[in-house]
Amino acid sequence: MPAPRSAKRSAALRTANGKRFSPDVIQHLSTLYGARRFMIESRTPMPETTYVKTECQHCKGHIEYPSGLAGQPVECPHCKQTTKLPPSMPPPPIPPPLPVIHPARARIEKASSFAGVGCLLQGIGAVCFVFAILTYKTAIFPIVFGILGLWLLFYGSRKASWYQCSACGGKLSHARVSVCPHCNACFR
């Protein structure tokens, strides 16, 4: 038969800070401070007990016991016969650590293309310059076509060349990148 709840609480109070109190002191402290507050104020943690489950050798009833009693004979709470608890199992082996993978060393390369969007934009910019020259007699068209042509030439040159990783060939956003986002290669 399991111990009543108050007996479990008083047993916990007796062992909370390593001293043994008499039952009347425990009752007095419980009513004066409350059992929970007394446990919090003791500041000494109770030892961690792990419980193991097994079954009786005779009646196959479930038995739960502290791991410290492993290998000892105990009386079964169900059939009242003596049964021997199994010996404690060793902890499972610790798996080996994962190998550390060092990223490859690479460098940042500048690449360019003659058959891409950047070159197309540069071509349109050159055509805008031609229109600016052809419309020099009008007031606004040379200015509009001139500014548009300059912008397309500049923007097209930015699109026609880029930075890339020497290890994987992936495009990089700028030359100050320290790690390639595609293959994790280090540049510094």
C-alpha atoms as a PDB file:
ATOM      1  CA  MET A   1       0.000   0.000   0.000  1.00  0.00           C
ATOM      2  CA  PRO A   2       1.475   3.382  -0.955  1.00  0.00           C
ATOM      3  CA  ALA A   3       2.367   5.844   1.778  1.00  0.00           C
ATOM      4  CA  PRO A   4      -0.113   8.672   2.356  1.00  0.00           C
ATOM      5  CA  ARG A   5       0.671  11.999   0.736  1.00  0.00           C
ATOM      6  CA  SER A   6       1.519  13.711   4.036  1.00  0.00           C
ATOM      7  CA  ALA A   7       4.063  10.986   4.867  1.00  0.00           C
ATOM      8  CA  LYS A   8       5.773  11.507   1.514  1.00  0.00           C
ATOM      9  CA  ARG A   9       5.894  15.275   2.133  1.00  0.00           C
ATOM     10  CA  SER A  10       7.345  14.865   5.641  1.00  0.00           C
ATOM     11  CA  ALA A  11       9.966  12.400   4.322  1.00  0.00           C
ATOM     12  CA  ALA A  12      10.964  14.990   1.718  1.00  0.00           C
ATOM     13  CA  LEU A  13      11.207  17.650   4.430  1.00  0.00           C
ATOM     14  CA  ARG A  14      13.418  15.437   6.531  1.00  0.00           C
ATOM     15  CA  THR A  15      15.933  14.897   3.747  1.00  0.00           C
ATOM     16  CA  ALA A  16      15.786  18.327   2.073  1.00  0.00           C
ATOM     17  CA  ASN A  17      18.905  19.708   3.781  1.00  0.00           C
ATOM     18  CA  GLY A  18      20.463  16.468   5.029  1.00  0.00           C
ATOM     19  CA  LYS A  19      19.231  16.725   8.631  1.00  0.00           C
ATOM     20  CA  ARG A  20      16.692  14.488  10.278  1.00  0.00           C
ATOM     21  CA  PHE A  21      13.846  16.346  11.968  1.00  0.00           C
ATOM     22  CA  SER A  22      11.452  14.838  14.433  1.00  0.00           C
ATOM     23  CA  PRO A  23       7.835  14.529  13.215  1.00  0.00           C
ATOM     24  CA  ASP A  24       6.583  17.220  15.605  1.00  0.00           C
ATOM     25  CA  VAL A  25       9.180  19.733  14.264  1.00  0.00           C
ATOM     26  CA  ILE A  26       8.140  18.900  10.696  1.00  0.00           C
ATOM     27  CA  GLN A  27       4.471  19.359  11.590  1.00  0.00           C
ATOM     28  CA  HIS A  28       5.255  22.670  13.264  1.00  0.00           C
ATOM     29  CA  LEU A  29       7.310  23.938  10.278  1.00  0.00           C
ATOM     30  CA  SER A  30       4.662  22.775   7.807  1.00  0.00           C
ATOM     31  CA  THR A  31       1.890  24.653   9.593  1.00  0.00           C
ATOM     32  CA  LEU A  32       4.045  27.693  10.346  1.00  0.00           C
ATOM     33  CA  TYR A  33       5.621  28.230   6.918  1.00  0.00           C
ATOM     34  CA  GLY A  34       3.846  25.816   4.638  1.00  0.00           C
ATOM     35  CA  ALA A  35       5.640  22.764   3.283  1.00  0.00           C
ATOM     36  CA  ARG A  36       6.325  24.309  -0.120  1.00  0.00           C
ATOM     37  CA  ARG A  37       7.907  27.457   1.311  1.00  0.00           C
ATOM     38  CA  PHE A  38      10.066  25.379   3.682  1.00  0.00           C
ATOM     39  CA  MET A  39      11.329  23.319   0.731  1.00  0.00           C
ATOM     40  CA  ILE A  40      12.190  26.471  -1.266  1.00  0.00           C
ATOM     41  CA  GLU A  41      14.012  28.107   1.658  1.00  0.00           C
ATOM     42  CA  SER A  42      16.153  25.034   2.443  1.00  0.00           C
ATOM     43  CA  ARG A  43      18.257  25.733  -0.729  1.00  0.00           C
ATOM     44  CA  THR A  44      19.770  22.229  -0.674  1.00  0.00           C
ATOM     45  CA  PRO A  45      18.584  20.170  -3.649  1.00  0.00           C
ATOM     46  CA  MET A  46      17.441  16.639  -3.051  1.00  0.00           C
ATOM     47  CA  PRO A  47      19.577  13.987  -4.702  1.00  0.00           C
ATOM     48  CA  GLU A  48      18.285  12.982  -8.139  1.00  0.00           C
ATOM     49  CA  THR A  49      16.881   9.436  -8.003  1.00  0.00           C
ATOM     50  CA  THR A  50      16.175   7.515 -11.163  1.00  0.00           C
ATOM     51  CA  TYR A  51      13.528   4.829 -11.112  1.00  0.00           C
ATOM     52  CA  VAL A  52      13.593   1.615 -13.112  1.00  0.00           C
ATOM     53  CA  LYS A  53      10.592  -0.534 -14.058  1.00  0.00           C
ATOM     54  CA  THR A  54      10.587  -4.326 -14.080  1.00  0.00           C
ATOM     55  CA  GLU A  55       8.165  -7.179 -13.450  1.00  0.00           C
ATOM     56  CA  CYS A  56       7.924  -9.777 -10.707  1.00  0.00           C
ATOM     57  CA  GLN A  57       9.434 -13.187 -11.540  1.00  0.00           C
ATOM     58  CA  HIS A  58       6.395 -14.948 -10.023  1.00  0.00           C
ATOM     59  CA  CYS A  59       3.231 -12.968 -10.762  1.00  0.00           C
ATOM     60  CA  LYS A  60       4.523 -10.734 -13.611  1.00  0.00           C
ATOM     61  CA  GLY A  61       3.246  -7.653 -11.720  1.00  0.00           C
ATOM     62  CA  HIS A  62       4.919  -4.338 -12.467  1.00  0.00           C
ATOM     63  CA  ILE A  63       7.510  -3.118  -9.947  1.00  0.00           C
ATOM     64  CA  GLU A  64       9.093   0.331  -9.991  1.00  0.00           C
ATOM     65  CA  TYR A  65      12.203   0.751  -7.848  1.00  0.00           C
ATOM     66  CA  PRO A  66      15.084   3.206  -7.337  1.00  0.00           C
ATOM     67  CA  SER A  67      18.139   2.333  -9.404  1.00  0.00           C
ATOM     68  CA  GLY A  68      20.186   2.001  -6.195  1.00  0.00           C
ATOM     69  CA  LEU A  69      18.308  -1.234  -5.331  1.00  0.00           C
ATOM     70  CA  ALA A  70      19.337  -3.002  -8.552  1.00  0.00           C
ATOM     71  CA  GLY A  71      20.432  -6.620  -8.033  1.00  0.00           C
ATOM     72  CA  GLN A  72      18.879  -6.941  -4.539  1.00  0.00           C
ATOM     73  CA  PRO A  73      16.016  -9.224  -3.502  1.00  0.00           C
ATOM     74  CA  VAL A  74      12.775  -7.398  -2.589  1.00  0.00           C
ATOM     75  CA  GLU A  75       9.252  -8.397  -1.658  1.00  0.00           C
ATOM     76  CA  CYS A  76       6.769  -8.050  -4.515  1.00  0.00           C
ATOM     77  CA  PRO A  77       3.985  -5.609  -3.566  1.00  0.00           C
ATOM     78  CA  HIS A  78       1.459  -7.733  -5.512  1.00  0.00           C
ATOM     79  CA  CYS A  79       2.112 -11.391  -4.552  1.00  0.00           C
ATOM     80  CA  LYS A  80       4.310 -10.765  -1.458  1.00  0.00           C
ATOM     81  CA  GLN A  81       6.954 -13.263  -2.677  1.00  0.00           C
ATOM     82  CA  THR A  82      10.635 -12.440  -2.746  1.00  0.00           C
ATOM     83  CA  THR A  83      11.881 -11.538  -6.198  1.00  0.00           C
ATOM     84  CA  LYS A  84      15.363 -10.466  -7.263  1.00  0.00           C
ATOM     85  CA  LEU A  85      15.629  -7.139  -9.076  1.00  0.00           C
ATOM     86  CA  PRO A  86      17.693  -7.193 -12.276  1.00  0.00           C
ATOM     87  CA  PRO A  87      21.207  -5.714 -12.097  1.00  0.00           C
ATOM     88  CA  SER A  88      21.666  -2.144 -13.252  1.00  0.00           C
ATOM     89  CA  MET A  89      22.342  -1.677 -16.931  1.00  0.00           C
ATOM     90  CA  PRO A  90      25.421   0.310 -17.985  1.00  0.00           C
ATOM     91  CA  PRO A  91      24.636   3.580 -19.749  1.00  0.00           C
ATOM     92  CA  PRO A  92      24.529   3.399 -23.553  1.00  0.00           C
ATOM     93  CA  PRO A  93      27.851   4.149 -25.222  1.00  0.00           C
ATOM     94  CA  ILE A  94      28.462   7.736 -26.279  1.00  0.00           C
ATOM     95  CA  PRO A  95      28.435   8.045 -30.074  1.00  0.00           C
ATOM     96  CA  PRO A  96      31.680   9.290 -31.626  1.00  0.00           C
ATOM     97  CA  PRO A  97      31.797  13.006 -32.421  1.00  0.00           C
ATOM     98  CA  LEU A  98      30.985  14.109 -35.931  1.00  0.00           C
ATOM     99  CA  PRO A  99      34.017  14.897 -38.055  1.00  0.00           C
ATOM    100  CA  VAL A 100      34.796  18.564 -38.557  1.00  0.00           C
ATOM    101  CA  ILE A 101      34.579  19.540 -42.199  1.00  0.00           C
ATOM    102  CA  HIS A 102      36.850  22.430 -43.097  1.00  0.00           C
ATOM    103  CA  PRO A 103      35.509  24.478 -46.004  1.00  0.00           C
ATOM    104  CA  ALA A 104      37.641  24.728 -49.119  1.00  0.00           C
ATOM    105  CA  ARG A 105      39.847  27.774 -49.690  1.00  0.00           C
ATOM    106  CA  ALA A 106      38.826  29.776 -52.720  1.00  0.00           C
ATOM    107  CA  ARG A 107      39.251  33.220 -54.204  1.00  0.00           C
ATOM    108  CA  ILE A 108      36.904  35.811 -55.628  1.00  0.00           C
ATOM    109  CA  GLU A 109      37.120  36.143 -59.402  1.00  0.00           C
ATOM    110  CA  LYS A 110      35.705  38.831 -61.640  1.00  0.00           C
ATOM    111  CA  ALA A 111      33.713  37.423 -64.560  1.00  0.00           C
ATOM    112  CA  SER A 112      31.945  39.001 -67.501  1.00  0.00           C
ATOM    113  CA  SER A 113      29.745  38.064 -70.423  1.00  0.00           C
ATOM    114  CA  PHE A 114      29.172  39.408 -73.945  1.00  0.00           C
ATOM    115  CA  ALA A 115      25.883  37.588 -74.436  1.00  0.00           C
ATOM    116  CA  GLY A 116      23.654  38.626 -71.567  1.00  0.00           C
ATOM    117  CA  VAL A 117      21.253  41.213 -70.221  1.00  0.00           C
ATOM    118  CA  GLY A 118      24.093  43.607 -69.387  1.00  0.00           C
ATOM    119  CA  CYS A 119      25.357  43.704 -72.952  1.00  0.00           C
ATOM    120  CA  LEU A 120      21.802  44.157 -74.239  1.00  0.00           C
ATOM    121  CA  LEU A 121      21.343  47.165 -71.932  1.00  0.00           C
ATOM    122  CA  GLN A 122      24.644  48.631 -73.087  1.00  0.00           C
ATOM    123  CA  GLY A 123      23.513  48.244 -76.714  1.00  0.00           C
ATOM    124  CA  ILE A 124      20.245  50.033 -75.996  1.00  0.00           C
ATOM    125  CA  GLY A 125      22.266  52.785 -74.261  1.00  0.00           C
ATOM    126  CA  ALA A 126      24.423  53.209 -77.383  1.00  0.00           C
ATOM    127  CA  VAL A 127      21.278  53.447 -79.540  1.00  0.00           C
ATOM    128  CA  CYS A 128      19.939  56.142 -77.164  1.00  0.00           C
ATOM    129  CA  PHE A 129      23.146  58.115 -77.703  1.00  0.00           C
ATOM    130  CA  VAL A 130      22.639  57.870 -81.457  1.00  0.00           C
ATOM    131  CA  PHE A 131      19.066  59.196 -81.028  1.00  0.00           C
ATOM    132  CA  ALA A 132      20.420  62.019 -78.862  1.00  0.00           C
ATOM    133  CA  ILE A 133      22.797  63.021 -81.652  1.00  0.00           C
ATOM    134  CA  LEU A 134      20.106  62.727 -84.373  1.00  0.00           C
ATOM    135  CA  THR A 135      17.619  64.868 -82.417  1.00  0.00           C
ATOM    136  CA  TYR A 136      20.044  67.688 -81.562  1.00  0.00           C
ATOM    137  CA  LYS A 137      17.741  70.330 -83.145  1.00  0.00           C
ATOM    138  CA  THR A 138      14.863  69.647 -80.734  1.00  0.00           C
ATOM    139  CA  ALA A 139      14.968  71.018 -77.196  1.00  0.00           C
ATOM    140  CA  ILE A 140      14.217  68.056 -74.914  1.00  0.00           C
ATOM    141  CA  PHE A 141      15.030  64.833 -76.833  1.00  0.00           C
ATOM    142  CA  PRO A 142      18.852  65.135 -76.768  1.00  0.00           C
ATOM    143  CA  ILE A 143      18.755  65.591 -72.974  1.00  0.00           C
ATOM    144  CA  VAL A 144      16.362  62.678 -72.382  1.00  0.00           C
ATOM    145  CA  PHE A 145      18.137  60.301 -74.750  1.00  0.00           C
ATOM    146  CA  GLY A 146      21.560  61.392 -73.465  1.00  0.00           C
ATOM    147  CA  ILE A 147      20.689  60.764 -69.787  1.00  0.00           C
ATOM    148  CA  LEU A 148      18.919  57.484 -70.626  1.00  0.00           C
ATOM    149  CA  GLY A 149      21.872  56.351 -72.755  1.00  0.00           C
ATOM    150  CA  LEU A 150      24.404  57.126 -69.992  1.00  0.00           C
ATOM    151  CA  TRP A 151      22.326  55.310 -67.386  1.00  0.00           C
ATOM    152  CA  LEU A 152      21.851  52.226 -69.621  1.00  0.00           C
ATOM    153  CA  LEU A 153      25.580  52.101 -70.409  1.00  0.00           C
ATOM    154  CA  PHE A 154      26.509  52.313 -66.744  1.00  0.00           C
ATOM    155  CA  TYR A 155      23.812  49.875 -65.527  1.00  0.00           C
ATOM    156  CA  GLY A 156      24.551  47.454 -68.382  1.00  0.00           C
ATOM    157  CA  SER A 157      28.266  47.421 -67.513  1.00  0.00           C
ATOM    158  CA  ARG A 158      27.348  46.506 -63.919  1.00  0.00           C
ATOM    159  CA  LYS A 159      25.138  43.690 -65.189  1.00  0.00           C
ATOM    160  CA  ALA A 160      27.688  42.456 -67.742  1.00  0.00           C
ATOM    161  CA  SER A 161      30.365  41.781 -65.090  1.00  0.00           C
ATOM    162  CA  TRP A 162      30.063  40.129 -61.669  1.00  0.00           C
ATOM    163  CA  TYR A 163      32.065  38.420 -58.943  1.00  0.00           C
ATOM    164  CA  GLN A 164      32.099  34.648 -58.657  1.00  0.00           C
ATOM    165  CA  CYS A 165      33.566  31.928 -56.443  1.00  0.00           C
ATOM    166  CA  SER A 166      36.574  30.094 -57.892  1.00  0.00           C
ATOM    167  CA  ALA A 167      35.516  26.823 -56.194  1.00  0.00           C
ATOM    168  CA  CYS A 168      31.914  26.502 -57.417  1.00  0.00           C
ATOM    169  CA  GLY A 169      31.382  29.349 -59.908  1.00  0.00           C
ATOM    170  CA  GLY A 170      28.454  30.777 -57.932  1.00  0.00           C
ATOM    171  CA  LYS A 171      27.678  34.485 -58.280  1.00  0.00           C
ATOM    172  CA  LEU A 172      28.598  36.720 -55.336  1.00  0.00           C
ATOM    173  CA  SER A 173      26.891  39.959 -54.383  1.00  0.00           C
ATOM    174  CA  HIS A 174      30.119  41.965 -53.904  1.00  0.00           C
ATOM    175  CA  ALA A 175      33.878  41.577 -53.532  1.00  0.00           C
ATOM    176  CA  ARG A 176      33.862  41.846 -49.716  1.00  0.00           C
ATOM    177  CA  VAL A 177      32.126  38.486 -49.145  1.00  0.00           C
ATOM    178  CA  SER A 178      34.089  36.244 -46.743  1.00  0.00           C
ATOM    179  CA  VAL A 179      32.182  32.960 -47.315  1.00  0.00           C
ATOM    180  CA  CYS A 180      30.559  31.690 -50.504  1.00  0.00           C
ATOM    181  CA  PRO A 181      26.783  31.281 -49.931  1.00  0.00           C
ATOM    182  CA  HIS A 182      26.676  28.360 -52.399  1.00  0.00           C
ATOM    183  CA  CYS A 183      29.572  26.084 -51.301  1.00  0.00           C
ATOM    184  CA  ASN A 184      30.702  27.666 -47.965  1.00  0.00           C
ATOM    185  CA  ALA A 185      34.253  28.190 -49.245  1.00  0.00           C
ATOM    186  CA  CYS A 186      36.334  30.737 -47.294  1.00  0.00           C
ATOM    187  CA  PHE A 187      37.835  33.680 -49.150  1.00  0.00           C
ATOM    188  CA  ARG A 188      40.024  35.044 -46.349  1.00  0.00           C
END
